[in-house]
PDB file of N, CA and C in Angstrom:
ATOM      1  N   MET A   1      -3.374  22.959   0.542  1.00  0.00           N
ATOM      2  CA  MET A   1      -2.574  22.261   1.594  1.00  0.00           C
ATOM      3  C   MET A   1      -0.877  23.088   1.249  1.00  0.00           C
ATOM      4  N   ARG A   2      -0.360  22.862   1.597  1.00  0.00           N
ATOM      5  CA  ARG A   2       1.074  23.835   1.847  1.00  0.00           C
ATOM      6  C   ARG A   2       1.812  23.172   2.245  1.00  0.00           C
ATOM      7  N   ILE A   3       3.324  23.411   1.387  1.00  0.00           N
ATOM      8  CA  ILE A   3       4.575  23.139   1.605  1.00  0.00           C
ATOM      9  C   ILE A   3       4.833  23.884   2.748  1.00  0.00           C
ATOM     10  N   THR A   4       5.620  23.274   3.806  1.00  0.00           N
ATOM     11  CA  THR A   4       6.247  23.957   5.118  1.00  0.00           C
ATOM     12  C   THR A   4       7.384  24.624   4.733  1.00  0.00           C
ATOM     13  N   SER A   5       8.153  25.223   5.440  1.00  0.00           N
ATOM     14  CA  SER A   5       9.717  25.941   5.104  1.00  0.00           C
ATOM     15  C   SER A   5      10.571  25.096   5.024  1.00  0.00           C
ATOM     16  N   LYS A   6      10.302  23.736   5.563  1.00  0.00           N
ATOM     17  CA  LYS A   6      11.438  22.243   5.561  1.00  0.00           C
ATOM     18  C   LYS A   6      11.045  22.108   4.185  1.00  0.00           C
ATOM     19  N   GLY A   7      10.086  22.190   3.506  1.00  0.00           N
ATOM     20  CA  GLY A   7       9.824  21.116   2.281  1.00  0.00           C
ATOM     21  C   GLY A   7       8.922  20.281   2.512  1.00  0.00           C
ATOM     22  N   GLN A   8       8.278  20.079   3.914  1.00  0.00           N
ATOM     23  CA  GLN A   8       7.139  19.090   4.269  1.00  0.00           C
ATOM     24  C   GLN A   8       5.910  19.346   3.692  1.00  0.00           C
ATOM     25  N   VAL A   9       5.147  18.578   3.426  1.00  0.00           N
ATOM     26  CA  VAL A   9       3.699  18.120   3.351  1.00  0.00           C
ATOM     27  C   VAL A   9       2.949  17.085   3.600  1.00  0.00           C
ATOM     28  N   THR A  10       1.861  17.147   4.762  1.00  0.00           N
ATOM     29  CA  THR A  10       1.176  16.395   5.023  1.00  0.00           C
ATOM     30  C   THR A  10       0.345  15.423   3.889  1.00  0.00           C
ATOM     31  N   ILE A  11       0.446  14.177   3.715  1.00  0.00           N
ATOM     32  CA  ILE A  11      -0.394  13.138   2.853  1.00  0.00           C
ATOM     33  C   ILE A  11      -1.776  12.706   3.824  1.00  0.00           C
ATOM     34  N   PRO A  12      -2.694  13.121   3.076  1.00  0.00           N
ATOM     35  CA  PRO A  12      -3.872  12.420   3.940  1.00  0.00           C
ATOM     36  C   PRO A  12      -3.976  11.818   3.973  1.00  0.00           C
ATOM     37  N   GLN A  13      -4.916  10.885   5.093  1.00  0.00           N
ATOM     38  CA  GLN A  13      -4.571   9.840   5.682  1.00  0.00           C
ATOM     39  C   GLN A  13      -5.140   8.723   4.655  1.00  0.00           C
ATOM     40  N   ASP A  14      -6.573   9.405   4.002  1.00  0.00           N
ATOM     41  CA  ASP A  14      -7.213   8.339   2.954  1.00  0.00           C
ATOM     42  C   ASP A  14      -6.159   8.211   1.975  1.00  0.00           C
ATOM     43  N   VAL A  15      -5.282   8.604   1.522  1.00  0.00           N
ATOM     44  CA  VAL A  15      -4.389   8.743   0.145  1.00  0.00           C
ATOM     45  C   VAL A  15      -3.521   7.496   0.875  1.00  0.00           C
ATOM     46  N   ARG A  16      -3.119   7.790   2.096  1.00  0.00           N
ATOM     47  CA  ARG A  16      -2.072   6.915   2.605  1.00  0.00           C
ATOM     48  C   ARG A  16      -2.650   5.721   2.743  1.00  0.00           C
ATOM     49  N   ASP A  17      -3.664   5.532   2.843  1.00  0.00           N
ATOM     50  CA  ASP A  17      -4.370   3.844   3.358  1.00  0.00           C
ATOM     51  C   ASP A  17      -4.485   3.530   2.017  1.00  0.00           C
ATOM     52  N   ARG A  18      -5.071   4.097   0.950  1.00  0.00           N
ATOM     53  CA  ARG A  18      -5.354   3.838  -0.303  1.00  0.00           C
ATOM     54  C   ARG A  18      -4.380   3.465  -1.165  1.00  0.00           C
ATOM     55  N   ALA A  19      -3.094   3.823  -0.723  1.00  0.00           N
ATOM     56  CA  ALA A  19      -1.461   3.663  -1.469  1.00  0.00           C
ATOM     57  C   ALA A  19      -0.614   2.579  -0.998  1.00  0.00           C
ATOM     58  N   GLY A  20      -1.504   2.547   0.325  1.00  0.00           N
ATOM     59  CA  GLY A  20      -0.272   1.415   1.178  1.00  0.00           C
ATOM     60  C   GLY A  20       0.781   2.448   1.865  1.00  0.00           C
ATOM     61  N   LEU A  21       0.591   3.492   1.907  1.00  0.00           N
ATOM     62  CA  LEU A  21       2.097   4.151   2.574  1.00  0.00           C
ATOM     63  C   LEU A  21       1.840   4.263   4.292  1.00  0.00           C
ATOM     64  N   MET A  22       2.888   3.300   4.734  1.00  0.00           N
ATOM     65  CA  MET A  22       2.881   3.382   5.687  1.00  0.00           C
ATOM     66  C   MET A  22       4.162   4.048   6.528  1.00  0.00           C
ATOM     67  N   PRO A  23       4.350   4.142   7.903  1.00  0.00           N
ATOM     68  CA  PRO A  23       5.146   4.890   8.847  1.00  0.00           C
ATOM     69  C   PRO A  23       6.783   3.926   7.945  1.00  0.00           C
ATOM     70  N   GLY A  24       7.766   4.536   7.337  1.00  0.00           N
ATOM     71  CA  GLY A  24       8.831   4.068   7.320  1.00  0.00           C
ATOM     72  C   GLY A  24       8.899   3.459   5.911  1.00  0.00           C
ATOM     73  N   THR A  25       7.695   3.608   5.306  1.00  0.00           N
ATOM     74  CA  THR A  25       8.051   3.305   3.447  1.00  0.00           C
ATOM     75  C   THR A  25       9.047   4.032   2.653  1.00  0.00           C
ATOM     76  N   ASP A  26       9.633   3.692   2.184  1.00  0.00           N
ATOM     77  CA  ASP A  26      10.429   4.278   1.411  1.00  0.00           C
ATOM     78  C   ASP A  26       9.875   4.956  -0.012  1.00  0.00           C
ATOM     79  N   VAL A  27      10.156   6.134  -0.288  1.00  0.00           N
ATOM     80  CA  VAL A  27       9.329   6.700  -1.516  1.00  0.00           C
ATOM     81  C   VAL A  27      10.454   7.250  -2.418  1.00  0.00           C
ATOM     82  N   THR A  28       9.993   7.302  -3.897  1.00  0.00           N
ATOM     83  CA  THR A  28      10.866   8.612  -4.974  1.00  0.00           C
ATOM     84  C   THR A  28       9.973   9.484  -5.196  1.00  0.00           C
ATOM     85  N   PHE A  29      10.244  10.525  -5.936  1.00  0.00           N
ATOM     86  CA  PHE A  29       9.889  11.317  -6.531  1.00  0.00           C
ATOM     87  C   PHE A  29      10.286  11.269  -8.598  1.00  0.00           C
ATOM     88  N   GLU A  30       9.176  11.495  -9.047  1.00  0.00           N
ATOM     89  CA  GLU A  30       9.413  11.693 -10.215  1.00  0.00           C
ATOM     90  C   GLU A  30       8.759  12.905 -10.685  1.00  0.00           C
ATOM     91  N   ILE A  31       9.613  13.692 -11.535  1.00  0.00           N
ATOM     92  CA  ILE A  31       9.146  14.955 -12.505  1.00  0.00           C
ATOM     93  C   ILE A  31       8.940  14.674 -13.801  1.00  0.00           C
ATOM     94  N   GLU A  32       7.845  15.048 -14.376  1.00  0.00           N
ATOM     95  CA  GLU A  32       7.709  14.740 -15.795  1.00  0.00           C
ATOM     96  C   GLU A  32       6.726  15.847 -16.226  1.00  0.00           C
ATOM     97  N   ALA A  33       7.043  16.801 -17.354  1.00  0.00           N
ATOM     98  CA  ALA A  33       6.269  17.545 -17.757  1.00  0.00           C
ATOM     99  C   ALA A  33       5.824  18.835 -16.768  1.00  0.00           C
ATOM    100  N   GLY A  34       6.262  19.100 -15.888  1.00  0.00           N
ATOM    101  CA  GLY A  34       5.586  19.829 -14.794  1.00  0.00           C
ATOM    102  C   GLY A  34       5.076  19.116 -13.569  1.00  0.00           C
ATOM    103  N   VAL A  35       4.642  17.576 -13.698  1.00  0.00           N
ATOM    104  CA  VAL A  35       4.091  17.086 -12.836  1.00  0.00           C
ATOM    105  C   VAL A  35       5.242  16.386 -11.854  1.00  0.00           C
ATOM    106  N   VAL A  36       4.868  16.388 -10.760  1.00  0.00           N
ATOM    107  CA  VAL A  36       5.434  15.457  -9.473  1.00  0.00           C
ATOM    108  C   VAL A  36       4.934  14.075  -9.123  1.00  0.00           C
ATOM    109  N   ARG A  37       5.187  13.435  -9.284  1.00  0.00           N
ATOM    110  CA  ARG A  37       4.585  12.029  -8.994  1.00  0.00           C
ATOM    111  C   ARG A  37       5.450  11.207  -7.439  1.00  0.00           C
ATOM    112  N   LEU A  38       4.963  11.255  -6.269  1.00  0.00           N
ATOM    113  CA  LEU A  38       5.379  10.214  -5.016  1.00  0.00           C
ATOM    114  C   LEU A  38       5.074   8.807  -5.393  1.00  0.00           C
ATOM    115  N   ILE A  39       5.982   8.136  -5.449  1.00  0.00           N
ATOM    116  CA  ILE A  39       6.107   6.683  -5.798  1.00  0.00           C
ATOM    117  C   ILE A  39       6.363   5.744  -4.560  1.00  0.00           C
ATOM    118  N   LYS A  40       5.796   4.995  -4.231  1.00  0.00           N
ATOM    119  CA  LYS A  40       6.597   3.738  -3.212  1.00  0.00           C
ATOM    120  C   LYS A  40       7.200   3.130  -4.022  1.00  0.00           C
ATOM    121  N   THR A  41       8.299   2.815  -3.161  1.00  0.00           N
ATOM    122  CA  THR A  41       9.342   2.091  -3.570  1.00  0.00           C
ATOM    123  C   THR A  41       9.189   0.709  -3.002  1.00  0.00           C
ATOM    124  N   MET A  42       9.454  -0.368  -4.397  1.00  0.00           N
ATOM    125  CA  MET A  42       8.858  -1.666  -4.220  1.00  0.00           C
ATOM    126  C   MET A  42      10.144  -2.332  -3.276  1.00  0.00           C
ATOM    127  N   SER A  43       9.266  -3.298  -2.328  1.00  0.00           N
ATOM    128  CA  SER A  43      10.216  -4.118  -1.282  1.00  0.00           C
ATOM    129  C   SER A  43      11.284  -5.057  -2.068  1.00  0.00           C
ATOM    130  N   GLY A  44      12.090  -4.986  -1.403  1.00  0.00           N
ATOM    131  CA  GLY A  44      13.536  -5.351  -1.662  1.00  0.00           C
ATOM    132  C   GLY A  44      14.409  -4.602  -2.673  1.00  0.00           C
ATOM    133  N   GLY A  45      13.967  -3.421  -2.672  1.00  0.00           N
ATOM    134  CA  GLY A  45      14.882  -2.383  -3.555  1.00  0.00           C
ATOM    135  C   GLY A  45      15.425  -1.589  -2.515  1.00  0.00           C
ATOM    136  N   GLY A  46      15.100  -1.280  -1.296  1.00  0.00           N
ATOM    137  CA  GLY A  46      15.352  -0.298  -0.038  1.00  0.00           C
ATOM    138  C   GLY A  46      15.704  -1.205   1.123  1.00  0.00           C
ATOM    139  N   ARG A  47      15.596  -0.557   1.963  1.00  0.00           N
ATOM    140  CA  ARG A  47      15.930  -1.139   3.593  1.00  0.00           C
ATOM    141  C   ARG A  47      14.858  -2.261   3.895  1.00  0.00           C
ATOM    142  N   GLN A  48      15.684  -3.176   4.955  1.00  0.00           N
ATOM    143  CA  GLN A  48      14.840  -4.428   5.331  1.00  0.00           C
ATOM    144  C   GLN A  48      14.154  -4.006   6.566  1.00  0.00           C
ATOM    145  N   THR A  49      13.141  -4.883   6.861  1.00  0.00           N
ATOM    146  CA  THR A  49      12.522  -4.221   8.182  1.00  0.00           C
ATOM    147  C   THR A  49      13.047  -5.273   8.949  1.00  0.00           C
ATOM    148  N   ARG A  50      13.267  -4.955   9.851  1.00  0.00           N
ATOM    149  CA  ARG A  50      13.584  -5.939  11.505  1.00  0.00           C
ATOM    150  C   ARG A  50      13.015  -7.470  11.196  1.00  0.00           C
ATOM    151  N   GLY A  51      11.976  -7.687  10.531  1.00  0.00           N
ATOM    152  CA  GLY A  51      11.331  -9.005  10.402  1.00  0.00           C
ATOM    153  C   GLY A  51      11.908  -9.787   9.268  1.00  0.00           C
ATOM    154  N   GLN A  52      11.856  -9.120   8.025  1.00  0.00           N
ATOM    155  CA  GLN A  52      12.854  -9.315   6.775  1.00  0.00           C
ATOM    156  C   GLN A  52      14.421  -9.580   7.618  1.00  0.00           C
ATOM    157  N   LYS A  53      15.344  -9.394   7.643  1.00  0.00           N
ATOM    158  CA  LYS A  53      16.650  -9.378   8.388  1.00  0.00           C
ATOM    159  C   LYS A  53      16.339 -10.265   9.316  1.00  0.00           C
ATOM    160  N   LEU A  54      15.636 -10.612  10.093  1.00  0.00           N
ATOM    161  CA  LEU A  54      15.452 -11.855  10.817  1.00  0.00           C
ATOM    162  C   LEU A  54      15.147 -13.187  10.347  1.00  0.00           C
ATOM    163  N   VAL A  55      14.160 -13.280   9.176  1.00  0.00           N
ATOM    164  CA  VAL A  55      13.809 -14.171   8.203  1.00  0.00           C
ATOM    165  C   VAL A  55      15.066 -14.366   7.660  1.00  0.00           C
ATOM    166  N   GLU A  56      15.704 -13.431   6.903  1.00  0.00           N
ATOM    167  CA  GLU A  56      17.024 -13.495   6.149  1.00  0.00           C
ATOM    168  C   GLU A  56      18.188 -14.323   6.701  1.00  0.00           C
ATOM    169  N   GLY A  57      18.282 -14.130   8.282  1.00  0.00           N
ATOM    170  CA  GLY A  57      19.248 -14.368   9.189  1.00  0.00           C
ATOM    171  C   GLY A  57      19.304 -16.036   9.443  1.00  0.00           C
ATOM    172  N   LEU A  58      17.990 -16.408   9.494  1.00  0.00           N
ATOM    173  CA  LEU A  58      17.716 -17.746   9.906  1.00  0.00           C
ATOM    174  C   LEU A  58      17.627 -18.502   8.610  1.00  0.00           C
ATOM    175  N   ARG A  59      17.077 -18.212   7.392  1.00  0.00           N
ATOM    176  CA  ARG A  59      17.516 -19.128   5.897  1.00  0.00           C
ATOM    177  C   ARG A  59      18.359 -20.307   6.149  1.00  0.00           C
ATOM    178  N   GLY A  60      18.066 -20.722   6.107  1.00  0.00           N
ATOM    179  CA  GLY A  60      19.424 -22.034   5.557  1.00  0.00           C
ATOM    180  C   GLY A  60      19.749 -22.826   6.761  1.00  0.00           C
ATOM    181  N   HIS A  61      19.154 -22.559   7.999  1.00  0.00           N
ATOM    182  CA  HIS A  61      19.912 -22.789   9.250  1.00  0.00           C
ATOM    183  C   HIS A  61      19.133 -23.977   9.952  1.00  0.00           C
ATOM    184  N   GLY A  62      17.773 -24.156   9.363  1.00  0.00           N
ATOM    185  CA  GLY A  62      16.917 -25.639   9.691  1.00  0.00           C
ATOM    186  C   GLY A  62      17.112 -26.676   8.954  1.00  0.00           C
ATOM    187  N   ASP A  63      18.755 -27.613   9.122  1.00  0.00           N
ATOM    188  CA  ASP A  63      18.557 -28.222   8.565  1.00  0.00           C
ATOM    189  C   ASP A  63      18.991 -29.921   9.176  1.00  0.00           C
ATOM    190  N   PHE A  64      18.271 -29.624  10.165  1.00  0.00           N
ATOM    191  CA  PHE A  64      18.261 -30.971  11.321  1.00  0.00           C
ATOM    192  C   PHE A  64      17.224 -31.758  10.972  1.00  0.00           C
ATOM    193  N   LYS A  65      17.211 -33.215  10.595  1.00  0.00           N
ATOM    194  CA  LYS A  65      16.154 -33.879  10.427  1.00  0.00           C
ATOM    195  C   LYS A  65      15.313 -34.689  11.668  1.00  0.00           C
ATOM    196  N   MET A  66      14.581 -33.919  11.903  1.00  0.00           N
ATOM    197  CA  MET A  66      13.424 -34.493  13.333  1.00  0.00           C
ATOM    198  C   MET A  66      12.138 -33.966  13.054  1.00  0.00           C
ATOM    199  N   SER A  67      11.221 -35.498  13.120  1.00  0.00           N
ATOM    200  CA  SER A  67       9.694 -35.109  13.061  1.00  0.00           C
ATOM    201  C   SER A  67       9.122 -34.055  13.893  1.00  0.00           C
ATOM    202  N   THR A  68       8.248 -33.868  13.633  1.00  0.00           N
ATOM    203  CA  THR A  68       7.284 -32.685  14.558  1.00  0.00           C
ATOM    204  C   THR A  68       7.227 -33.538  15.983  1.00  0.00           C
ATOM    205  N   ASP A  69       6.853 -34.812  16.085  1.00  0.00           N
ATOM    206  CA  ASP A  69       6.565 -35.469  17.221  1.00  0.00           C
ATOM    207  C   ASP A  69       8.065 -35.555  18.192  1.00  0.00           C
ATOM    208  N   GLU A  70       8.706 -35.845  16.963  1.00  0.00           N
ATOM    209  CA  GLU A  70      10.585 -36.074  18.304  1.00  0.00           C
ATOM    210  C   GLU A  70      10.592 -34.248  18.906  1.00  0.00           C
ATOM    211  N   ILE A  71      10.194 -33.679  18.028  1.00  0.00           N
ATOM    212  CA  ILE A  71      10.855 -32.098  18.920  1.00  0.00           C
ATOM    213  C   ILE A  71       9.872 -31.493  20.018  1.00  0.00           C
ATOM    214  N   VAL A  72       8.607 -31.991  19.951  1.00  0.00           N
ATOM    215  CA  VAL A  72       7.869 -32.099  20.931  1.00  0.00           C
ATOM    216  C   VAL A  72       8.245 -32.957  21.975  1.00  0.00           C
ATOM    217  N   ALA A  73       8.293 -34.122  21.698  1.00  0.00           N
ATOM    218  CA  ALA A  73       9.037 -34.935  22.913  1.00  0.00           C
ATOM    219  C   ALA A  73      10.164 -34.048  23.348  1.00  0.00           C
ATOM    220  N   LEU A  74      11.242 -33.972  22.871  1.00  0.00           N
ATOM    221  CA  LEU A  74      12.169 -33.336  22.983  1.00  0.00           C
ATOM    222  C   LEU A  74      11.917 -32.536  24.338  1.00  0.00           C
ATOM    223  N   MET A  75      11.139 -31.224  23.631  1.00  0.00           N
ATOM    224  CA  MET A  75      10.881 -30.075  24.322  1.00  0.00           C
ATOM    225  C   MET A  75      10.289 -30.120  26.116  1.00  0.00           C
ATOM    226  N   ARG A  76       8.992 -31.311  25.939  1.00  0.00           N
ATOM    227  CA  ARG A  76       8.445 -32.042  27.299  1.00  0.00           C
ATOM    228  C   ARG A  76       9.532 -32.611  27.862  1.00  0.00           C
ATOM    229  N   GLY A  77      10.625 -33.353  27.625  1.00  0.00           N
ATOM    230  CA  GLY A  77      11.257 -34.473  28.483  1.00  0.00           C
ATOM    231  C   GLY A  77      10.768 -35.449  28.253  1.00  0.00           C
ATOM    232  N   PHE A  78      11.294 -36.219  29.051  1.00  0.00           N
ATOM    233  CA  PHE A  78      10.735 -37.674  28.949  1.00  0.00           C
ATOM    234  C   PHE A  78       9.521 -38.071  29.958  1.00  0.00           C
ATOM    235  N   ALA A  79       9.016 -38.890  29.832  1.00  0.00           N
ATOM    236  CA  ALA A  79       7.941 -39.038  30.890  1.00  0.00           C
ATOM    237  C   ALA A  79       8.777 -40.022  31.847  1.00  0.00           C
ATOM    238  N   ALA A  80       8.010 -39.615  33.089  1.00  0.00           N
ATOM    239  CA  ALA A  80       8.431 -40.405  34.179  1.00  0.00           C
ATOM    240  C   ALA A  80       8.478 -42.271  34.260  1.00  0.00           C
ATOM    241  N   ASP A  81       7.946 -42.668  33.310  1.00  0.00           N
ATOM    242  CA  ASP A  81       8.195 -44.339  33.488  1.00  0.00           C
ATOM    243  C   ASP A  81       8.780 -44.690  32.184  1.00  0.00           C
ATOM    244  N   ASP A  82       9.205 -43.625  31.482  1.00  0.00           N
ATOM    245  CA  ASP A  82      10.318 -44.176  30.437  1.00  0.00           C
ATOM    246  C   ASP A  82      11.795 -44.033  30.895  1.00  0.00           C
ATOM    247  N   GLY A  83      11.733 -44.013  32.002  1.00  0.00           N
ATOM    248  CA  GLY A  83      13.210 -44.165  32.744  1.00  0.00           C
ATOM    249  C   GLY A  83      14.244 -43.191  32.903  1.00  0.00           C
TER     250      GLY A  83
END
């Protein structure tokens, strides 16, 4: 395996699978005694995914007090015989 002129290298698929390196995964490099390590950045320390941003934006906004049955009835509307 060779490094390209742009400094890029392809990580083999089986290595990515075993390490959990998905597209968009943040990584860092460490150098110690001539050995270079690629380290997956733990979540929470880097950029948030779209799903994480959505959940964070909604957190704390569900403060109304309705039962599941009341919510379903509201979504369905009133029955014809309910007046």
